[in-house]
Protein backbone atom coordinates (compact mmCIF):
# COMPACT_ATOMS: atom_id res chain seq x y z
CA MET A 1 -35.88 -15.41 -48.12
CA ASN A 2 -38.70 -18.20 -46.57
CA ALA A 3 -42.10 -18.87 -49.39
CA PHE A 4 -44.03 -21.06 -50.02
CA VAL A 5 -46.01 -21.69 -53.67
CA ILE A 6 -49.71 -22.81 -52.86
CA ARG A 7 -52.14 -24.33 -55.92
CA CYS A 8 -55.50 -25.96 -54.17
CA PHE A 9 -57.79 -27.39 -56.85
CA ASN A 10 -60.46 -29.87 -56.82
CA LYS A 11 -61.17 -33.00 -58.91
CA SER A 12 -62.36 -31.76 -61.73
CA TYR A 13 -59.27 -29.50 -62.20
CA GLU A 14 -56.38 -32.67 -61.74
CA PRO A 15 -55.59 -33.18 -64.72
CA ILE A 16 -54.34 -29.66 -65.29
CA ALA A 17 -52.81 -29.76 -61.96
CA ASN A 18 -50.65 -32.74 -63.49
CA LEU A 19 -50.18 -30.72 -66.84
CA SER A 20 -48.22 -28.10 -64.69
CA ARG A 21 -47.14 -29.67 -61.52
CA SER A 22 -43.26 -29.92 -63.33
CA SER A 23 -43.08 -26.11 -64.30
CA VAL A 24 -44.13 -25.24 -60.64
CA SER A 25 -41.98 -27.55 -59.09
CA ASP A 26 -38.97 -26.61 -61.41
CA PHE A 27 -39.82 -23.31 -60.12
CA VAL A 28 -39.70 -23.73 -56.22
CA ALA A 29 -36.55 -25.72 -57.00
CA LYS A 30 -35.13 -23.20 -59.06
CA ASN A 31 -36.08 -20.20 -56.24
CA ASP A 32 -35.37 -21.90 -53.49
CA ILE A 33 -39.09 -21.95 -51.81
CA GLY A 34 -41.84 -24.37 -50.72
CA LEU A 35 -44.59 -25.92 -52.33
CA ILE A 36 -48.17 -26.91 -50.94
CA GLU A 37 -50.84 -28.50 -52.61
CA SER A 38 -54.45 -28.87 -51.51
CA PRO A 39 -56.41 -31.48 -53.42
CA TYR A 40 -59.81 -31.22 -53.07
CA THR A 41 -60.63 -28.34 -51.36
CA GLY A 42 -63.26 -25.68 -51.73
CA PRO A 43 -63.56 -22.35 -53.36
CA MET A 44 -61.70 -20.70 -50.56
CA ALA A 45 -58.86 -23.21 -50.00
CA LYS A 46 -56.39 -21.06 -51.14
CA VAL A 47 -57.13 -17.68 -48.25
CA ASP A 48 -57.01 -20.95 -45.77
CA GLN A 49 -53.99 -22.14 -46.83
CA ALA A 50 -51.96 -18.92 -46.80
CA LEU A 51 -53.47 -18.07 -43.17
CA ARG A 52 -52.13 -21.60 -42.15
CA VAL A 53 -48.64 -20.56 -43.67
CA PHE A 54 -48.66 -17.68 -42.21
CA ASN A 55 -49.65 -18.82 -39.04
CA SER A 56 -48.00 -21.64 -39.00
CA THR A 57 -44.52 -20.45 -40.66
CA SER A 58 -41.95 -17.76 -40.47
CA ALA A 59 -42.79 -17.48 -43.84
CA ASP A 60 -41.95 -13.69 -45.56
CA PHE A 61 -44.21 -14.37 -48.77
CA VAL A 62 -46.63 -16.60 -49.87
CA ILE A 63 -47.53 -17.05 -53.65
CA TYR A 64 -50.48 -18.49 -55.02
CA ALA A 65 -50.55 -19.96 -58.00
CA ASP A 66 -54.06 -21.20 -60.00
CA VAL A 67 -53.20 -24.70 -61.59
CA ASP A 68 -53.51 -23.28 -64.95
CA VAL A 69 -50.75 -21.42 -64.33
CA ILE A 70 -47.34 -22.36 -66.40
CA PHE A 71 -44.22 -21.32 -64.43
CA ARG A 72 -41.44 -20.54 -68.10
CA PRO A 73 -38.13 -22.73 -67.43
CA ASN A 74 -35.55 -20.96 -65.23
CA SER A 75 -37.73 -17.90 -63.99
CA LEU A 76 -36.71 -16.32 -61.03
CA LEU A 77 -39.02 -14.95 -58.19
CA ALA A 78 -39.69 -10.74 -59.23
CA THR A 79 -37.83 -8.47 -57.39
CA GLU A 80 -40.73 -6.03 -58.17
CA TRP A 81 -42.76 -8.66 -55.74
CA LEU A 82 -39.74 -8.49 -53.10
CA GLU A 83 -38.75 -5.21 -53.00
CA SER A 84 -42.31 -3.53 -53.11
CA HIS A 85 -43.70 -1.66 -50.61
CA LYS A 86 -46.93 -3.30 -51.40
CA ALA A 87 -48.16 -5.96 -49.27
CA ILE A 88 -50.03 -8.02 -52.06
CA HIS A 89 -49.19 -8.55 -55.89
CA ILE A 90 -52.11 -9.34 -57.85
CA SER A 91 -52.78 -10.39 -61.12
CA ALA A 92 -55.47 -8.68 -63.73
CA ASP A 93 -57.72 -10.33 -65.68
CA LEU A 94 -60.59 -8.53 -68.21
CA CYS A 95 -62.66 -7.39 -64.34
CA GLY A 96 -60.05 -6.33 -62.73
CA PHE A 97 -57.84 -7.84 -59.92
CA CYS A 98 -57.80 -11.71 -60.69
CA ALA A 99 -57.74 -14.51 -57.94
CA GLY A 100 -56.05 -16.85 -59.79
CA PHE A 101 -51.66 -15.37 -58.92
CA TRP A 102 -50.61 -13.74 -56.10
CA VAL A 103 -48.08 -12.87 -53.99
CA MET A 104 -48.58 -11.52 -50.34
CA ARG A 105 -45.85 -10.13 -47.84
CA ARG A 106 -46.52 -11.12 -44.61
CA THR A 107 -47.79 -8.14 -43.11
CA SER A 108 -50.43 -7.19 -40.57
CA LEU A 109 -52.60 -5.27 -43.33
CA ALA A 110 -52.16 -8.52 -45.65
CA LEU A 111 -53.30 -10.69 -43.05
CA LYS A 112 -56.19 -8.99 -41.91
CA PHE A 113 -57.00 -8.84 -45.29
CA LEU A 114 -57.08 -12.86 -45.56
CA GLU A 115 -59.06 -13.42 -42.57
CA ALA A 116 -61.44 -10.64 -44.04
CA TRP A 117 -61.91 -12.91 -47.39
CA ASN A 118 -61.72 -16.23 -45.50
CA ILE A 119 -64.49 -14.78 -43.44
CA LEU A 120 -66.59 -13.01 -46.45
CA GLY A 121 -66.46 -16.13 -48.83
CA PRO A 122 -69.07 -18.64 -47.26
CA SER A 123 -71.10 -15.91 -45.76
CA ARG A 124 -72.28 -14.55 -49.20
CA ASP A 125 -75.72 -15.87 -50.12
CA LYS A 126 -75.73 -18.10 -52.69
CA PRO A 127 -77.45 -21.29 -53.70
CA GLU A 128 -74.26 -23.50 -53.59
CA GLY A 129 -73.77 -21.77 -49.85
CA ARG A 130 -70.28 -20.42 -50.85
CA CYS A 131 -69.27 -17.41 -52.71
CA SER A 132 -66.10 -18.29 -55.50
CA ASP A 133 -62.70 -16.98 -54.40
CA GLN A 134 -62.96 -14.07 -57.33
CA GLU A 135 -66.80 -13.44 -56.75
CA THR A 136 -65.47 -12.69 -52.75
CA LEU A 137 -62.52 -10.63 -53.88
CA GLN A 138 -64.57 -8.38 -56.23
CA ALA A 139 -67.12 -8.05 -53.21
CA LEU A 140 -64.17 -7.29 -50.83
CA CYS A 141 -62.61 -4.22 -53.34
CA LYS A 142 -66.15 -2.63 -54.14
CA ARG A 143 -67.16 -2.83 -50.37
CA PHE A 144 -63.81 -1.78 -48.60
CA ARG A 145 -61.79 0.52 -50.92
CA TRP A 146 -59.14 0.39 -48.69
CA ILE A 147 -58.50 -2.84 -49.40
CA GLY A 148 -57.65 -2.23 -52.64
CA ASP A 149 -54.58 0.34 -51.61
CA LEU A 150 -53.16 -2.86 -50.50
CA PHE A 151 -52.38 -3.97 -54.76
CA GLN A 152 -49.59 -3.76 -56.59
CA PRO A 153 -51.11 -4.98 -60.02
CA ILE A 154 -48.72 -7.52 -61.44
CA PRO A 155 -48.14 -6.35 -64.99
CA GLU A 156 -48.37 -8.58 -68.05
CA GLU A 157 -44.48 -8.50 -68.61
CA LEU A 158 -44.08 -11.01 -65.08
CA VAL A 159 -47.35 -12.85 -65.15
CA SER A 160 -49.55 -13.19 -68.83
CA ASN A 161 -52.74 -14.27 -69.62
CA PRO A 162 -54.68 -15.72 -73.07
CA SER A 163 -55.24 -11.31 -73.45
CA SER A 164 -51.59 -10.79 -73.07
CA LYS A 165 -49.46 -9.69 -76.33
CA LEU A 166 -46.44 -9.75 -74.41
CA ASN A 167 -43.36 -12.99 -74.19
CA GLY A 168 -41.51 -13.99 -71.90
CA SER A 169 -43.22 -13.69 -68.43
CA ILE A 170 -42.27 -15.62 -65.60
CA ALA A 171 -45.29 -17.40 -65.50
CA HIS A 172 -48.32 -17.60 -67.96
CA HIS A 173 -52.05 -18.19 -66.23
CA PHE A 174 -54.30 -20.02 -69.20
CA TRP A 175 -57.62 -19.15 -67.42
CA ALA A 176 -58.93 -22.46 -68.48
CA ASN A 177 -61.93 -22.69 -66.16
CA GLY A 178 -61.34 -26.31 -66.25
CA GLY A 179 -61.92 -26.36 -69.99
CA ALA A 180 -60.23 -29.49 -72.20
CA GLU A 181 -59.38 -27.00 -74.70
CA TYR A 182 -56.82 -25.83 -72.72
CA TRP A 183 -54.68 -28.26 -71.73
CA GLY A 184 -53.27 -28.81 -75.64
CA LYS A 185 -52.23 -25.25 -75.50
CA MET A 186 -50.49 -26.10 -71.92
CA GLU A 187 -48.74 -29.32 -72.42
CA GLY A 188 -47.15 -26.89 -75.68
CA PHE A 189 -45.83 -24.28 -73.26
CA LYS A 190 -43.00 -23.29 -72.81
């Protein structure tokens, strides 16, 4: 299987990226997959990077993980992601789908979704000129109901989060939002 993990972050997230880097490095080594990090990029960089990987490599899968995602030691790729008929496995948060962790299979519909996500991001009317990846994902799902049919929610047994009641997941998404209070929690995570 040919796959890449992508992580994108701006300067304010660099301390968090440094805390989580070793867990990601161990995960990609254990699973014999590639790693692409794009520091200092905008809110839609993850989508742009995924398109670049699919367009310039023979990757079967792209895994996107926010820098506040820590992989547990010795974690293997979930067979649910590799064997599913769904194009996109995406984590959940309190508002629905979460753009912070997803696994995407190379399919024509997945590529069309990435292109739409990439185009819509900068086209939204916001004072700062760009819509966040999360806001854009929510707008796409609301406007185009078929997009939700591409998704398979990732169960908390595989990717946990601060509201999870489960332990033993492959990874944990801290939902740090750049907050320093999470750094200590990330350092102690095993």
